[in-house]
Amino acid sequence: MGVPYSELYSGTAEVSTTLACLLNTGNIPAFTPLMVEPTSGLVTPWDGVNAGAAVYLTSFAIDTANQRRAQVYKTGTFNADIVNWPENVTTFEKKLSAFAGSALSVQPLAG
């Protein structure tokens, strides 16, 4: 019988959070990759285009119309299957490279 919950972590890296200032983009689901929007410097959901552009991961669902600051994950190794990927991110290679260069990474639970 499987576990009645989804495993969030898939590695042993230390997990920590930081405060992020969010661009008003509406509802952002939990475990969504985030990037910095270059013009405003605010954080927004990763567009799935450039590898290494994702730098944070939401730790809970956020309604940016009402909450413009939130604690987000800045370090850790997370289960790739639990991440709320953009629709255009369909390959495993693209998922693995999303956080390249940051203190976050993803991998499958079974290595």
Protein backbone atom coordinates (compact mmCIF):
# COMPACT_ATOMS: atom_id res chain seq x y z
CA MET A 1 0.00 0.00 0.00
CA GLY A 2 1.34 3.44 -0.91
CA VAL A 3 1.69 6.34 1.44
CA PRO A 4 -1.39 8.60 1.80
CA TYR A 5 0.60 11.74 0.98
CA SER A 6 3.07 12.98 -1.62
CA GLU A 7 6.71 13.07 -0.65
CA LEU A 8 8.06 16.57 -1.08
CA TYR A 9 11.80 16.03 -0.62
CA SER A 10 13.96 13.74 -2.72
CA GLY A 11 17.40 14.51 -1.40
CA THR A 12 19.39 15.44 1.67
CA ALA A 13 20.14 19.10 0.91
CA GLU A 14 19.15 21.55 3.62
CA VAL A 15 15.75 23.14 3.02
CA SER A 16 15.30 26.84 3.76
CA THR A 17 12.94 29.66 2.83
CA THR A 18 13.20 33.37 2.18
CA LEU A 19 10.78 36.25 1.73
CA ALA A 20 9.96 37.07 -1.90
CA CYS A 21 8.12 40.08 -3.32
CA LEU A 22 5.67 38.86 -5.95
CA LEU A 23 4.41 40.32 -9.19
CA ASN A 24 0.59 40.44 -9.25
CA THR A 25 -0.15 37.45 -11.52
CA GLY A 26 -3.19 36.01 -9.73
CA ASN A 27 -3.22 32.56 -8.15
CA ILE A 28 0.03 30.63 -7.97
CA PRO A 29 -0.32 26.97 -6.92
CA ALA A 30 1.89 25.38 -4.28
CA PHE A 31 5.27 24.08 -5.48
CA THR A 32 5.40 26.33 -8.54
CA PRO A 33 8.87 27.30 -9.85
CA LEU A 34 9.46 31.04 -9.68
CA MET A 35 11.81 33.38 -11.53
CA VAL A 36 12.73 37.05 -11.17
CA GLU A 37 11.03 39.31 -13.70
CA PRO A 38 13.96 41.42 -14.96
CA THR A 39 12.23 44.77 -15.36
CA SER A 40 10.49 45.04 -11.98
CA GLY A 41 12.75 42.74 -9.97
CA LEU A 42 9.64 41.01 -8.63
CA VAL A 43 9.14 37.26 -8.54
CA THR A 44 6.70 35.56 -10.93
CA PRO A 45 5.98 31.99 -12.06
CA TRP A 46 8.76 30.57 -14.24
CA ASP A 47 7.78 30.68 -17.91
CA GLY A 48 9.50 27.37 -18.66
CA VAL A 49 11.63 28.87 -21.40
CA ASN A 50 15.17 29.27 -20.11
CA ALA A 51 17.01 26.58 -18.18
CA GLY A 52 18.35 27.93 -14.91
CA ALA A 53 15.89 30.83 -14.75
CA ALA A 54 13.84 29.28 -11.92
CA VAL A 55 15.30 30.38 -8.58
CA TYR A 56 12.56 29.73 -5.99
CA LEU A 57 9.69 27.31 -5.39
CA THR A 58 6.40 28.30 -3.77
CA SER A 59 5.85 26.60 -0.43
CA PHE A 60 2.06 27.05 -0.51
CA ALA A 61 -0.65 28.41 -2.83
CA ILE A 62 -0.52 32.20 -3.13
CA ASP A 63 -3.14 34.67 -4.37
CA THR A 64 -0.93 37.57 -5.46
CA ALA A 65 -3.91 39.90 -5.76
CA ASN A 66 -4.12 39.78 -1.96
CA GLN A 67 -0.62 38.72 -0.92
CA ARG A 68 2.37 40.37 -2.55
CA ARG A 69 5.01 38.89 -0.22
CA ALA A 70 5.44 35.26 0.76
CA GLN A 71 7.93 32.77 2.13
CA VAL A 72 9.29 30.61 -0.70
CA TYR A 73 11.80 27.76 -0.81
CA LYS A 74 15.30 28.93 -1.72
CA THR A 75 17.29 25.74 -1.02
CA GLY A 76 16.64 22.01 -1.08
CA THR A 77 16.19 18.98 -3.32
CA PHE A 78 12.56 18.33 -4.20
CA ASN A 79 10.57 15.49 -5.72
CA ALA A 80 10.28 16.39 -9.43
CA ASP A 81 6.83 14.81 -9.61
CA ILE A 82 5.29 17.15 -7.02
CA VAL A 83 6.37 20.37 -8.77
CA ASN A 84 3.69 22.37 -10.57
CA TRP A 85 5.51 22.68 -13.91
CA PRO A 86 4.48 25.09 -16.67
CA GLU A 87 2.54 23.32 -19.44
CA ASN A 88 5.41 23.80 -21.91
CA VAL A 89 7.85 21.89 -19.67
CA THR A 90 7.28 18.31 -20.77
CA THR A 91 10.69 16.64 -20.74
CA PHE A 92 12.53 15.31 -17.73
CA GLU A 93 15.71 17.04 -18.93
CA LYS A 94 13.99 20.44 -18.94
CA LYS A 95 12.72 19.82 -15.40
CA LEU A 96 16.18 18.88 -14.15
CA SER A 97 17.71 22.02 -15.69
CA ALA A 98 15.05 24.46 -14.45
CA PHE A 99 16.95 25.39 -11.27
CA ALA A 100 20.50 24.96 -12.68
CA GLY A 101 22.84 27.34 -10.91
CA SER A 102 20.55 27.93 -7.92
CA ALA A 103 20.51 26.22 -4.52
CA LEU A 104 17.33 24.35 -5.50
CA SER A 105 17.19 21.14 -7.48
CA VAL A 106 14.71 18.43 -8.39
CA GLN A 107 15.08 14.70 -8.92
CA PRO A 108 12.86 11.64 -8.91
CA LEU A 109 12.28 9.81 -5.64
CA ALA A 110 13.93 6.67 -6.94
CA GLY A 111 17.18 8.23 -8.06
